[in-house]
Amino acid sequence: MTRPISKKNTFNRLDNLGKFLGSFHVAHQSTFFEELIVQSFPIILHLPFFDITDDDSTIAYRVTWNGSRNLRTRAPGGGPDGIGRGRGFNIIIEATLKTGTKQWSQEFAISLKHARDTNDQYLHVNPELIITVLVTPAIHDYTYNSVKHNNQSNPYKIIPIETIILKKLVETSRLAFTLRHLDIRDFFNNIINELFSSYDCNDYRKRSISVVNNWQKEVLQLEKKTIIPIKSYHVMRKINRNHISTSEILRDLANDKFIKKYSEKVKEGFGAEIINQCIVQESLGKVLSKINYAEHIFAPVPISDFRSRCKWRSLALENFPPD
């Protein structure tokens, strides 16, 4: 059974990690941290989430935590904390709260064996299609040095990231309606390259933050012509009239929390022209009249009409012309 996940709650818990973990007994904090880290990946990848008690192998693309919340147990030591089966690549997920000198030797060194064993037993793919992601609040120098040495010759690549980077990935997924697995893979490839180019752990940390910020901006800029018509349509439905002006839509969007956050991340705003263009392009409203180049009067289309066209377009992608 797919486990529901709240993107908002997951982001807030990563953003206030100490407070979240402090609400549990110290004996259980590692378990809830591990679950939080693994469940971030189905949000990032837009995939269903399972734990070890209800994993469904009939679903090809999914994320599985090898622990159990009901039983309050972590993933067993003989395998990874989680496995993400994405489109075109797989992710071995490892998490630890340890930040000291034994971070690598006691927690992450075994991740290489986990990656190989998981591939041999379940995935059966080229090692280049497997990325092992190590997540921790802070990467230790020993971990950084060990990972960099491994990646120079081992086909199983390792990426250490701190929770601040994971939080940024979850935030991007919250704002992006059409985040592609190829975009995620590009991000990890960029991180691997920066790891190779970095000269110490602090330099890698700075490079990682720069990479994720630039990646987020690029991904979200591609979302503009998806986000604007969807949010504009929500405004038209909320106003609930058969004739709605561009200025009414623009005024409402200017105060929308989601749009404010989106504009903040891409560092650019938008105006009446793109609203008019996107509503017409997505056929979410019919232009009743044009007062001037900026001010149009729209009649919103019924949501059932939009659903039918989405289904028709999906069929056309698979088989053109659709029957």
C-alpha atoms as a PDB file:
ATOM      1  CA  MET A   1       0.000   0.000   0.000  1.00  0.00           C
ATOM      2  CA  THR A   2       1.386   3.392  -1.010  1.00  0.00           C
ATOM      3  CA  ARG A   3       2.147   5.555   2.020  1.00  0.00           C
ATOM      4  CA  PRO A   4       0.888   9.165   1.761  1.00  0.00           C
ATOM      5  CA  ILE A   5       3.534  11.837   2.214  1.00  0.00           C
ATOM      6  CA  SER A   6       3.054  15.537   2.863  1.00  0.00           C
ATOM      7  CA  LYS A   7       5.533  17.639   0.879  1.00  0.00           C
ATOM      8  CA  LYS A   8       4.928  20.549   3.217  1.00  0.00           C
ATOM      9  CA  ASN A   9       5.528  18.511   6.388  1.00  0.00           C
ATOM     10  CA  THR A  10       8.639  16.862   4.965  1.00  0.00           C
ATOM     11  CA  PHE A  11      10.099  20.226   3.973  1.00  0.00           C
ATOM     12  CA  ASN A  12       9.298  21.760   7.368  1.00  0.00           C
ATOM     13  CA  ARG A  13      10.887  18.835   9.193  1.00  0.00           C
ATOM     14  CA  LEU A  14      14.073  19.163   7.156  1.00  0.00           C
ATOM     15  CA  ASP A  15      14.004  22.920   7.737  1.00  0.00           C
ATOM     16  CA  ASN A  16      13.634  22.425  11.510  1.00  0.00           C
ATOM     17  CA  LEU A  17      15.472  19.134  11.875  1.00  0.00           C
ATOM     18  CA  GLY A  18      16.578  19.602  15.478  1.00  0.00           C
ATOM     19  CA  LYS A  19      13.058  20.443  16.631  1.00  0.00           C
ATOM     20  CA  PHE A  20      11.565  17.508  14.701  1.00  0.00           C
ATOM     21  CA  LEU A  21      14.007  14.928  16.073  1.00  0.00           C
ATOM     22  CA  GLY A  22      13.800  16.436  19.557  1.00  0.00           C
ATOM     23  CA  SER A  23      10.143  15.432  19.722  1.00  0.00           C
ATOM     24  CA  PHE A  24      11.196  11.765  19.882  1.00  0.00           C
ATOM     25  CA  HIS A  25      13.058   9.778  22.490  1.00  0.00           C
ATOM     26  CA  VAL A  26      16.772   9.766  21.742  1.00  0.00           C
ATOM     27  CA  ALA A  27      16.635   6.005  21.148  1.00  0.00           C
ATOM     28  CA  HIS A  28      14.245   6.533  18.223  1.00  0.00           C
ATOM     29  CA  GLN A  29      15.743   9.643  16.629  1.00  0.00           C
ATOM     30  CA  SER A  30      17.928   7.729  14.165  1.00  0.00           C
ATOM     31  CA  THR A  31      14.900   5.768  12.956  1.00  0.00           C
ATOM     32  CA  PHE A  32      12.807   8.875  12.300  1.00  0.00           C
ATOM     33  CA  PHE A  33      15.752  10.657  10.683  1.00  0.00           C
ATOM     34  CA  GLU A  34      16.311   7.694   8.367  1.00  0.00           C
ATOM     35  CA  GLU A  35      12.628   7.596   7.439  1.00  0.00           C
ATOM     36  CA  LEU A  36      12.541  11.365   6.831  1.00  0.00           C
ATOM     37  CA  ILE A  37      15.544  11.187   4.510  1.00  0.00           C
ATOM     38  CA  VAL A  38      14.253   8.240   2.507  1.00  0.00           C
ATOM     39  CA  GLN A  39      10.723   9.656   2.200  1.00  0.00           C
ATOM     40  CA  SER A  40      12.177  12.866   0.756  1.00  0.00           C
ATOM     41  CA  PHE A  41      13.118  10.987  -2.410  1.00  0.00           C
ATOM     42  CA  PRO A  42       9.599   9.967  -3.538  1.00  0.00           C
ATOM     43  CA  ILE A  43       8.723  13.665  -3.194  1.00  0.00           C
ATOM     44  CA  ILE A  44      11.706  14.684  -5.308  1.00  0.00           C
ATOM     45  CA  LEU A  45      11.021  11.965  -7.894  1.00  0.00           C
ATOM     46  CA  HIS A  46       7.192  12.138  -7.739  1.00  0.00           C
ATOM     47  CA  LEU A  47       7.013   8.401  -7.022  1.00  0.00           C
ATOM     48  CA  PRO A  48       4.998   6.214  -4.606  1.00  0.00           C
ATOM     49  CA  PHE A  49       6.562   5.460  -1.216  1.00  0.00           C
ATOM     50  CA  PHE A  50       6.653   2.124   0.605  1.00  0.00           C
ATOM     51  CA  ASP A  51       8.403   0.660   3.626  1.00  0.00           C
ATOM     52  CA  ILE A  52       9.692  -2.862   4.090  1.00  0.00           C
ATOM     53  CA  THR A  53       6.337  -4.134   5.405  1.00  0.00           C
ATOM     54  CA  ASP A  54       4.299  -3.177   2.341  1.00  0.00           C
ATOM     55  CA  ASP A  55       6.705  -2.861  -0.608  1.00  0.00           C
ATOM     56  CA  ASP A  56       5.027  -3.626  -3.930  1.00  0.00           C
ATOM     57  CA  SER A  57       7.416  -5.098  -6.506  1.00  0.00           C
ATOM     58  CA  THR A  58       4.726  -4.890  -9.202  1.00  0.00           C
ATOM     59  CA  ILE A  59       5.265  -1.113  -9.292  1.00  0.00           C
ATOM     60  CA  ALA A  60       8.398  -0.565 -11.333  1.00  0.00           C
ATOM     61  CA  TYR A  61       9.107   3.028 -10.332  1.00  0.00           C
ATOM     62  CA  ARG A  62       8.976   3.568  -6.574  1.00  0.00           C
ATOM     63  CA  VAL A  63      10.952   4.415  -3.434  1.00  0.00           C
ATOM     64  CA  THR A  64      11.217   1.881  -0.617  1.00  0.00           C
ATOM     65  CA  TRP A  65      12.420   2.457   2.921  1.00  0.00           C
ATOM     66  CA  ASN A  66      13.871  -0.743   4.321  1.00  0.00           C
ATOM     67  CA  GLY A  67      12.747   0.143   7.827  1.00  0.00           C
ATOM     68  CA  SER A  68       9.267   0.219   9.370  1.00  0.00           C
ATOM     69  CA  ARG A  69       7.562   3.095  11.130  1.00  0.00           C
ATOM     70  CA  ASN A  70       4.882   0.874  12.648  1.00  0.00           C
ATOM     71  CA  LEU A  71       7.546  -1.335  14.216  1.00  0.00           C
ATOM     72  CA  ARG A  72       9.877   1.625  14.877  1.00  0.00           C
ATOM     73  CA  THR A  73      12.771  -0.195  13.284  1.00  0.00           C
ATOM     74  CA  ARG A  74      15.544   1.112  11.092  1.00  0.00           C
ATOM     75  CA  ALA A  75      16.728  -0.569   7.916  1.00  0.00           C
ATOM     76  CA  PRO A  76      18.788  -3.681   8.772  1.00  0.00           C
ATOM     77  CA  GLY A  77      22.552  -3.380   8.501  1.00  0.00           C
ATOM     78  CA  GLY A  78      22.829  -5.840   5.627  1.00  0.00           C
ATOM     79  CA  GLY A  79      21.329  -3.486   3.040  1.00  0.00           C
ATOM     80  CA  PRO A  80      20.761   0.173   2.169  1.00  0.00           C
ATOM     81  CA  ASP A  81      18.389   2.394   4.107  1.00  0.00           C
ATOM     82  CA  GLY A  82      16.325   2.942   0.988  1.00  0.00           C
ATOM     83  CA  ILE A  83      16.144   2.252  -2.741  1.00  0.00           C
ATOM     84  CA  GLY A  84      14.778   4.663  -5.324  1.00  0.00           C
ATOM     85  CA  ARG A  85      13.838   3.114  -8.650  1.00  0.00           C
ATOM     86  CA  GLY A  86      13.631   6.008 -11.080  1.00  0.00           C
ATOM     87  CA  ARG A  87      13.270   6.312 -14.835  1.00  0.00           C
ATOM     88  CA  GLY A  88      16.709   5.708 -16.302  1.00  0.00           C
ATOM     89  CA  PHE A  89      18.612   5.471 -13.022  1.00  0.00           C
ATOM     90  CA  ASN A  90      18.437   4.106  -9.481  1.00  0.00           C
ATOM     91  CA  ILE A  91      19.335   5.647  -6.135  1.00  0.00           C
ATOM     92  CA  ILE A  92      20.796   3.825  -3.143  1.00  0.00           C
ATOM     93  CA  ILE A  93      19.893   5.948  -0.116  1.00  0.00           C
ATOM     94  CA  GLU A  94      21.975   5.979   3.058  1.00  0.00           C
ATOM     95  CA  ALA A  95      21.378   8.272   6.047  1.00  0.00           C
ATOM     96  CA  THR A  96      23.148   8.950   9.326  1.00  0.00           C
ATOM     97  CA  LEU A  97      23.055  11.514  12.100  1.00  0.00           C
ATOM     98  CA  LYS A  98      26.719  10.897  12.849  1.00  0.00           C
ATOM     99  CA  THR A  99      28.952  13.810  11.915  1.00  0.00           C
ATOM    100  CA  GLY A 100      32.228  12.845  13.624  1.00  0.00           C
ATOM    101  CA  THR A 101      35.355  10.986  12.595  1.00  0.00           C
ATOM    102  CA  LYS A 102      33.578   7.612  12.501  1.00  0.00           C
ATOM    103  CA  GLN A 103      30.913   8.788  10.044  1.00  0.00           C
ATOM    104  CA  TRP A 104      32.594   7.006   7.153  1.00  0.00           C
ATOM    105  CA  SER A 105      33.932   3.880   8.873  1.00  0.00           C
ATOM    106  CA  GLN A 106      30.814   3.080  10.920  1.00  0.00           C
ATOM    107  CA  GLU A 107      28.053   4.273   8.585  1.00  0.00           C
ATOM    108  CA  PHE A 108      28.935   5.025   4.990  1.00  0.00           C
ATOM    109  CA  ALA A 109      31.845   2.700   4.088  1.00  0.00           C
ATOM    110  CA  ILE A 110      29.437  -0.241   3.786  1.00  0.00           C
ATOM    111  CA  SER A 111      27.333   1.688   1.229  1.00  0.00           C
ATOM    112  CA  LEU A 112      29.524   0.435  -1.627  1.00  0.00           C
ATOM    113  CA  LYS A 113      28.735  -3.155  -0.736  1.00  0.00           C
ATOM    114  CA  HIS A 114      25.060  -2.274  -0.393  1.00  0.00           C
ATOM    115  CA  ALA A 115      25.073  -0.800  -3.907  1.00  0.00           C
ATOM    116  CA  ARG A 116      26.750  -3.850  -5.448  1.00  0.00           C
ATOM    117  CA  ASP A 117      24.579  -6.342  -3.558  1.00  0.00           C
ATOM    118  CA  THR A 118      21.361  -4.474  -4.397  1.00  0.00           C
ATOM    119  CA  ASN A 119      22.320  -4.440  -8.054  1.00  0.00           C
ATOM    120  CA  ASP A 120      23.206  -8.151  -8.073  1.00  0.00           C
ATOM    121  CA  GLN A 121      20.014  -9.175  -6.255  1.00  0.00           C
ATOM    122  CA  TYR A 122      17.358  -6.789  -7.574  1.00  0.00           C
ATOM    123  CA  LEU A 123      18.326  -4.150 -10.131  1.00  0.00           C
ATOM    124  CA  HIS A 124      20.605  -5.954 -12.630  1.00  0.00           C
ATOM    125  CA  VAL A 125      21.720  -2.772 -14.392  1.00  0.00           C
ATOM    126  CA  ASN A 126      24.958  -1.145 -15.462  1.00  0.00           C
ATOM    127  CA  PRO A 127      26.674   0.326 -12.355  1.00  0.00           C
ATOM    128  CA  GLU A 128      26.661   3.704 -14.096  1.00  0.00           C
ATOM    129  CA  LEU A 129      22.869   3.700 -13.686  1.00  0.00           C
ATOM    130  CA  ILE A 130      23.164   3.541  -9.891  1.00  0.00           C
ATOM    131  CA  ILE A 131      23.876   6.554  -7.700  1.00  0.00           C
ATOM    132  CA  THR A 132      24.558   6.082  -3.998  1.00  0.00           C
ATOM    133  CA  VAL A 133      23.490   9.164  -2.038  1.00  0.00           C
ATOM    134  CA  LEU A 134      24.827   9.619   1.492  1.00  0.00           C
ATOM    135  CA  VAL A 135      22.763  12.092   3.535  1.00  0.00           C
ATOM    136  CA  THR A 136      23.905  13.642   6.814  1.00  0.00           C
ATOM    137  CA  PRO A 137      23.535  16.963   8.636  1.00  0.00           C
ATOM    138  CA  ALA A 138      27.268  17.593   8.097  1.00  0.00           C
ATOM    139  CA  ILE A 139      29.844  15.784   5.928  1.00  0.00           C
ATOM    140  CA  HIS A 140      33.062  14.936   7.743  1.00  0.00           C
ATOM    141  CA  ASP A 141      36.449  15.397   6.075  1.00  0.00           C
ATOM    142  CA  TYR A 142      37.131  11.637   6.238  1.00  0.00           C
ATOM    143  CA  THR A 143      33.909  10.925   4.370  1.00  0.00           C
ATOM    144  CA  TYR A 144      34.704  13.542   1.746  1.00  0.00           C
ATOM    145  CA  ASN A 145      38.215  12.153   1.168  1.00  0.00           C
ATOM    146  CA  SER A 146      37.015   8.531   1.027  1.00  0.00           C
ATOM    147  CA  VAL A 147      34.215   9.312  -1.432  1.00  0.00           C
ATOM    148  CA  LYS A 148      36.473  11.345  -3.692  1.00  0.00           C
ATOM    149  CA  HIS A 149      39.016   8.507  -3.780  1.00  0.00           C
ATOM    150  CA  ASN A 150      36.289   5.951  -4.564  1.00  0.00           C
ATOM    151  CA  ASN A 151      34.760   7.961  -7.397  1.00  0.00           C
ATOM    152  CA  GLN A 152      38.053   8.201  -9.273  1.00  0.00           C
ATOM    153  CA  SER A 153      38.023   4.477 -10.156  1.00  0.00           C
ATOM    154  CA  ASN A 154      34.849   2.749  -8.934  1.00  0.00           C
ATOM    155  CA  PRO A 155      31.924   2.488 -11.405  1.00  0.00           C
ATOM    156  CA  TYR A 156      29.556   2.762  -8.402  1.00  0.00           C
ATOM    157  CA  LYS A 157      29.560   6.508  -7.758  1.00  0.00           C
ATOM    158  CA  ILE A 158      28.863   8.018  -4.340  1.00  0.00           C
ATOM    159  CA  ILE A 159      27.424  11.454  -3.627  1.00  0.00           C
ATOM    160  CA  PRO A 160      27.553  12.843  -0.085  1.00  0.00           C
ATOM    161  CA  ILE A 161      25.020  15.624   0.512  1.00  0.00           C
ATOM    162  CA  GLU A 162      23.992  17.523   3.599  1.00  0.00           C
ATOM    163  CA  THR A 163      20.375  17.878   4.697  1.00  0.00           C
ATOM    164  CA  ILE A 164      20.356  21.528   3.571  1.00  0.00           C
ATOM    165  CA  ILE A 165      20.831  20.312  -0.017  1.00  0.00           C
ATOM    166  CA  LEU A 166      18.110  17.674   0.343  1.00  0.00           C
ATOM    167  CA  LYS A 167      15.773  20.356   1.685  1.00  0.00           C
ATOM    168  CA  LYS A 168      16.404  22.433  -1.448  1.00  0.00           C
ATOM    169  CA  LEU A 169      15.569  19.459  -3.678  1.00  0.00           C
ATOM    170  CA  VAL A 170      12.299  18.885  -1.805  1.00  0.00           C
ATOM    171  CA  GLU A 171      11.488  22.600  -2.079  1.00  0.00           C
ATOM    172  CA  THR A 172      12.056  22.472  -5.842  1.00  0.00           C
ATOM    173  CA  SER A 173       9.728  19.501  -6.157  1.00  0.00           C
ATOM    174  CA  ARG A 174       7.043  21.396  -4.228  1.00  0.00           C
ATOM    175  CA  LEU A 175       7.230  24.276  -6.709  1.00  0.00           C
ATOM    176  CA  ALA A 176       7.662  22.236  -9.905  1.00  0.00           C
ATOM    177  CA  PHE A 177       4.680  20.525 -11.532  1.00  0.00           C
ATOM    178  CA  THR A 178       6.702  18.798 -14.253  1.00  0.00           C
ATOM    179  CA  LEU A 179      10.067  18.007 -12.637  1.00  0.00           C
ATOM    180  CA  ARG A 180      11.605  15.261 -14.783  1.00  0.00           C
ATOM    181  CA  HIS A 181      13.813  12.400 -13.659  1.00  0.00           C
ATOM    182  CA  LEU A 182      16.353  13.604 -16.220  1.00  0.00           C
ATOM    183  CA  ASP A 183      16.526  16.889 -14.312  1.00  0.00           C
ATOM    184  CA  ILE A 184      17.267  15.006 -11.078  1.00  0.00           C
ATOM    185  CA  ARG A 185      19.930  12.934 -12.768  1.00  0.00           C
ATOM    186  CA  ASP A 186      21.542  16.072 -14.214  1.00  0.00           C
ATOM    187  CA  PHE A 187      21.721  17.528 -10.717  1.00  0.00           C
ATOM    188  CA  PHE A 188      23.497  14.463  -9.321  1.00  0.00           C
ATOM    189  CA  ASN A 189      25.888  14.368 -12.279  1.00  0.00           C
ATOM    190  CA  ASN A 190      26.740  18.022 -11.664  1.00  0.00           C
ATOM    191  CA  ILE A 191      27.391  17.287  -7.995  1.00  0.00           C
ATOM    192  CA  ILE A 192      29.706  14.399  -8.911  1.00  0.00           C
ATOM    193  CA  ASN A 193      31.670  16.733 -11.192  1.00  0.00           C
ATOM    194  CA  GLU A 194      31.961  19.380  -8.485  1.00  0.00           C
ATOM    195  CA  LEU A 195      33.109  16.769  -5.985  1.00  0.00           C
ATOM    196  CA  PHE A 196      35.888  15.776  -8.358  1.00  0.00           C
ATOM    197  CA  SER A 197      36.906  19.414  -8.922  1.00  0.00           C
ATOM    198  CA  SER A 198      36.776  20.490  -5.279  1.00  0.00           C
ATOM    199  CA  TYR A 199      39.964  20.715  -3.233  1.00  0.00           C
ATOM    200  CA  ASP A 200      38.574  20.058   0.274  1.00  0.00           C
ATOM    201  CA  CYS A 201      35.322  19.402   2.120  1.00  0.00           C
ATOM    202  CA  ASN A 202      34.494  23.062   2.736  1.00  0.00           C
ATOM    203  CA  ASP A 203      35.039  23.857  -0.932  1.00  0.00           C
ATOM    204  CA  TYR A 204      32.767  20.958  -1.905  1.00  0.00           C
ATOM    205  CA  ARG A 205      30.124  22.217   0.515  1.00  0.00           C
ATOM    206  CA  LYS A 206      30.150  25.676  -1.123  1.00  0.00           C
ATOM    207  CA  ARG A 207      30.095  24.184  -4.604  1.00  0.00           C
ATOM    208  CA  SER A 208      27.127  21.951  -3.680  1.00  0.00           C
ATOM    209  CA  ILE A 209      25.089  24.921  -2.494  1.00  0.00           C
ATOM    210  CA  SER A 210      25.916  26.825  -5.677  1.00  0.00           C
ATOM    211  CA  VAL A 211      24.978  23.840  -7.856  1.00  0.00           C
ATOM    212  CA  VAL A 212      21.618  23.254  -6.171  1.00  0.00           C
ATOM    213  CA  ASN A 213      20.708  26.969  -6.260  1.00  0.00           C
ATOM    214  CA  ASN A 214      21.523  27.278  -9.975  1.00  0.00           C
ATOM    215  CA  TRP A 215      19.804  23.984 -10.754  1.00  0.00           C
ATOM    216  CA  GLN A 216      16.674  25.037  -8.885  1.00  0.00           C
ATOM    217  CA  LYS A 217      16.479  28.316 -10.778  1.00  0.00           C
ATOM    218  CA  GLU A 218      16.931  26.624 -14.166  1.00  0.00           C
ATOM    219  CA  VAL A 219      14.314  23.954 -13.419  1.00  0.00           C
ATOM    220  CA  LEU A 220      11.750  26.441 -12.123  1.00  0.00           C
ATOM    221  CA  GLN A 221      12.234  28.831 -15.042  1.00  0.00           C
ATOM    222  CA  LEU A 222      11.090  26.005 -17.329  1.00  0.00           C
ATOM    223  CA  GLU A 223       7.951  25.714 -15.181  1.00  0.00           C
ATOM    224  CA  LYS A 224       6.673  29.230 -15.798  1.00  0.00           C
ATOM    225  CA  LYS A 225       4.302  28.371 -18.645  1.00  0.00           C
ATOM    226  CA  THR A 226       2.896  25.506 -16.577  1.00  0.00           C
ATOM    227  CA  ILE A 227       2.561  27.295 -13.242  1.00  0.00           C
ATOM    228  CA  ILE A 228       1.066  30.556 -14.535  1.00  0.00           C
ATOM    229  CA  PRO A 229      -1.906  29.033 -16.421  1.00  0.00           C
ATOM    230  CA  ILE A 230      -2.694  26.571 -13.602  1.00  0.00           C
ATOM    231  CA  LYS A 231      -2.662  29.257 -10.912  1.00  0.00           C
ATOM    232  CA  SER A 232      -4.595  31.631 -13.207  1.00  0.00           C
ATOM    233  CA  TYR A 233      -7.256  28.984 -13.695  1.00  0.00           C
ATOM    234  CA  HIS A 234      -7.515  28.529  -9.917  1.00  0.00           C
ATOM    235  CA  VAL A 235      -8.177  32.259  -9.627  1.00  0.00           C
ATOM    236  CA  MET A 236     -10.896  32.113 -12.303  1.00  0.00           C
ATOM    237  CA  ARG A 237     -12.586  29.230 -10.512  1.00  0.00           C
ATOM    238  CA  LYS A 238     -12.397  31.083  -7.199  1.00  0.00           C
ATOM    239  CA  ILE A 239     -13.954  34.243  -8.688  1.00  0.00           C
ATOM    240  CA  ASN A 240     -16.635  31.969 -10.179  1.00  0.00           C
ATOM    241  CA  ARG A 241     -17.974  34.174 -12.953  1.00  0.00           C
ATOM    242  CA  ASN A 242     -18.367  33.686 -16.680  1.00  0.00           C
ATOM    243  CA  HIS A 243     -16.334  36.805 -17.467  1.00  0.00           C
ATOM    244  CA  ILE A 244     -13.046  37.528 -15.681  1.00  0.00           C
ATOM    245  CA  SER A 245     -10.446  40.135 -16.562  1.00  0.00           C
ATOM    246  CA  THR A 246      -6.682  39.760 -16.768  1.00  0.00           C
ATOM    247  CA  SER A 247      -6.236  42.474 -14.132  1.00  0.00           C
ATOM    248  CA  GLU A 248      -8.392  40.538 -11.662  1.00  0.00           C
ATOM    249  CA  ILE A 249      -6.232  37.449 -12.168  1.00  0.00           C
ATOM    250  CA  LEU A 250      -3.006  39.426 -11.904  1.00  0.00           C
ATOM    251  CA  ARG A 251      -4.150  41.157  -8.716  1.00  0.00           C
ATOM    252  CA  ASP A 252      -4.957  37.853  -7.038  1.00  0.00           C
ATOM    253  CA  LEU A 253      -1.699  36.182  -8.135  1.00  0.00           C
ATOM    254  CA  ALA A 254       0.327  39.116  -6.794  1.00  0.00           C
ATOM    255  CA  ASN A 255      -0.782  38.108  -3.278  1.00  0.00           C
ATOM    256  CA  ASP A 256      -0.527  34.341  -3.778  1.00  0.00           C
ATOM    257  CA  LYS A 257       2.030  32.702  -1.430  1.00  0.00           C
ATOM    258  CA  PHE A 258       2.964  30.029  -3.961  1.00  0.00           C
ATOM    259  CA  ILE A 259       3.562  32.566  -6.737  1.00  0.00           C
ATOM    260  CA  LYS A 260       5.552  34.798  -4.385  1.00  0.00           C
ATOM    261  CA  LYS A 261       7.819  31.889  -3.448  1.00  0.00           C
ATOM    262  CA  TYR A 262       8.191  30.859  -7.089  1.00  0.00           C
ATOM    263  CA  SER A 263       9.073  34.419  -8.206  1.00  0.00           C
ATOM    264  CA  GLU A 264      11.572  34.694  -5.352  1.00  0.00           C
ATOM    265  CA  LYS A 265      13.378  31.534  -6.497  1.00  0.00           C
ATOM    266  CA  VAL A 266      13.545  32.390 -10.206  1.00  0.00           C
ATOM    267  CA  LYS A 267      14.257  36.049  -9.384  1.00  0.00           C
ATOM    268  CA  GLU A 268      11.779  37.422 -11.907  1.00  0.00           C
ATOM    269  CA  GLY A 269       8.167  38.473 -12.004  1.00  0.00           C
ATOM    270  CA  PHE A 270       5.465  38.303 -14.656  1.00  0.00           C
ATOM    271  CA  GLY A 271       2.719  40.460 -16.045  1.00  0.00           C
ATOM    272  CA  ALA A 272      -0.558  40.504 -17.909  1.00  0.00           C
ATOM    273  CA  GLU A 273       0.926  39.491 -21.240  1.00  0.00           C
ATOM    274  CA  ILE A 274       2.165  36.068 -20.101  1.00  0.00           C
ATOM    275  CA  ILE A 275      -1.106  35.399 -18.247  1.00  0.00           C
ATOM    276  CA  ASN A 276      -3.072  36.059 -21.435  1.00  0.00           C
ATOM    277  CA  GLN A 277      -0.700  33.984 -23.512  1.00  0.00           C
ATOM    278  CA  CYS A 278      -0.679  30.986 -21.156  1.00  0.00           C
ATOM    279  CA  ILE A 279      -4.441  30.839 -20.593  1.00  0.00           C
ATOM    280  CA  VAL A 280      -5.035  30.801 -24.357  1.00  0.00           C
ATOM    281  CA  GLN A 281      -2.167  28.411 -25.062  1.00  0.00           C
ATOM    282  CA  GLU A 282      -3.425  25.869 -22.532  1.00  0.00           C
ATOM    283  CA  SER A 283      -7.054  26.435 -23.598  1.00  0.00           C
ATOM    284  CA  LEU A 284      -8.104  27.098 -20.000  1.00  0.00           C
ATOM    285  CA  GLY A 285     -10.177  30.099 -20.960  1.00  0.00           C
ATOM    286  CA  LYS A 286     -11.874  31.574 -24.027  1.00  0.00           C
ATOM    287  CA  VAL A 287     -11.178  35.221 -24.877  1.00  0.00           C
ATOM    288  CA  LEU A 288     -14.515  37.049 -24.915  1.00  0.00           C
ATOM    289  CA  SER A 289     -13.020  40.447 -25.693  1.00  0.00           C
ATOM    290  CA  LYS A 290      -9.753  42.384 -25.767  1.00  0.00           C
ATOM    291  CA  ILE A 291      -9.879  45.819 -24.158  1.00  0.00           C
ATOM    292  CA  ASN A 292      -6.224  46.388 -25.051  1.00  0.00           C
ATOM    293  CA  TYR A 293      -3.079  44.296 -25.507  1.00  0.00           C
ATOM    294  CA  ALA A 294      -2.857  43.636 -21.746  1.00  0.00           C
ATOM    295  CA  GLU A 295      -6.485  43.516 -20.602  1.00  0.00           C
ATOM    296  CA  HIS A 296      -8.509  40.569 -21.861  1.00  0.00           C
ATOM    297  CA  ILE A 297     -11.851  39.247 -20.699  1.00  0.00           C
ATOM    298  CA  PHE A 298     -11.930  35.443 -20.299  1.00  0.00           C
ATOM    299  CA  ALA A 299     -14.596  32.817 -19.859  1.00  0.00           C
ATOM    300  CA  PRO A 300     -13.064  29.886 -17.950  1.00  0.00           C
ATOM    301  CA  VAL A 301     -13.575  26.447 -19.499  1.00  0.00           C
ATOM    302  CA  PRO A 302     -15.155  23.670 -17.393  1.00  0.00           C
ATOM    303  CA  ILE A 303     -12.623  21.451 -15.610  1.00  0.00           C
ATOM    304  CA  SER A 304     -14.237  18.391 -17.225  1.00  0.00           C
ATOM    305  CA  ASP A 305     -13.339  19.818 -20.635  1.00  0.00           C
ATOM    306  CA  PHE A 306      -9.710  20.208 -19.579  1.00  0.00           C
ATOM    307  CA  ARG A 307      -9.585  16.631 -18.211  1.00  0.00           C
ATOM    308  CA  SER A 308     -10.897  15.238 -21.495  1.00  0.00           C
ATOM    309  CA  ARG A 309      -8.276  17.116 -23.497  1.00  0.00           C
ATOM    310  CA  CYS A 310      -5.498  15.965 -21.152  1.00  0.00           C
ATOM    311  CA  LYS A 311      -6.559  12.364 -21.693  1.00  0.00           C
ATOM    312  CA  TRP A 312      -6.677  12.890 -25.466  1.00  0.00           C
ATOM    313  CA  ARG A 313      -3.212  14.465 -25.482  1.00  0.00           C
ATOM    314  CA  SER A 314      -1.822  11.583 -23.434  1.00  0.00           C
ATOM    315  CA  LEU A 315      -3.208   9.082 -25.941  1.00  0.00           C
ATOM    316  CA  ALA A 316      -1.725  11.097 -28.796  1.00  0.00           C
ATOM    317  CA  LEU A 317       1.727  10.949 -27.215  1.00  0.00           C
ATOM    318  CA  GLU A 318       1.548   7.159 -27.089  1.00  0.00           C
ATOM    319  CA  ASN A 319      -0.087   6.626 -30.469  1.00  0.00           C
ATOM    320  CA  PHE A 320      -0.642   9.303 -33.088  1.00  0.00           C
ATOM    321  CA  PRO A 321      -3.272   9.831 -34.251  1.00  0.00           C
ATOM    322  CA  PRO A 322      -5.173   8.575 -31.169  1.00  0.00           C
ATOM    323  CA  ASP A 323      -7.934   6.122 -31.953  1.00  0.00           C
END
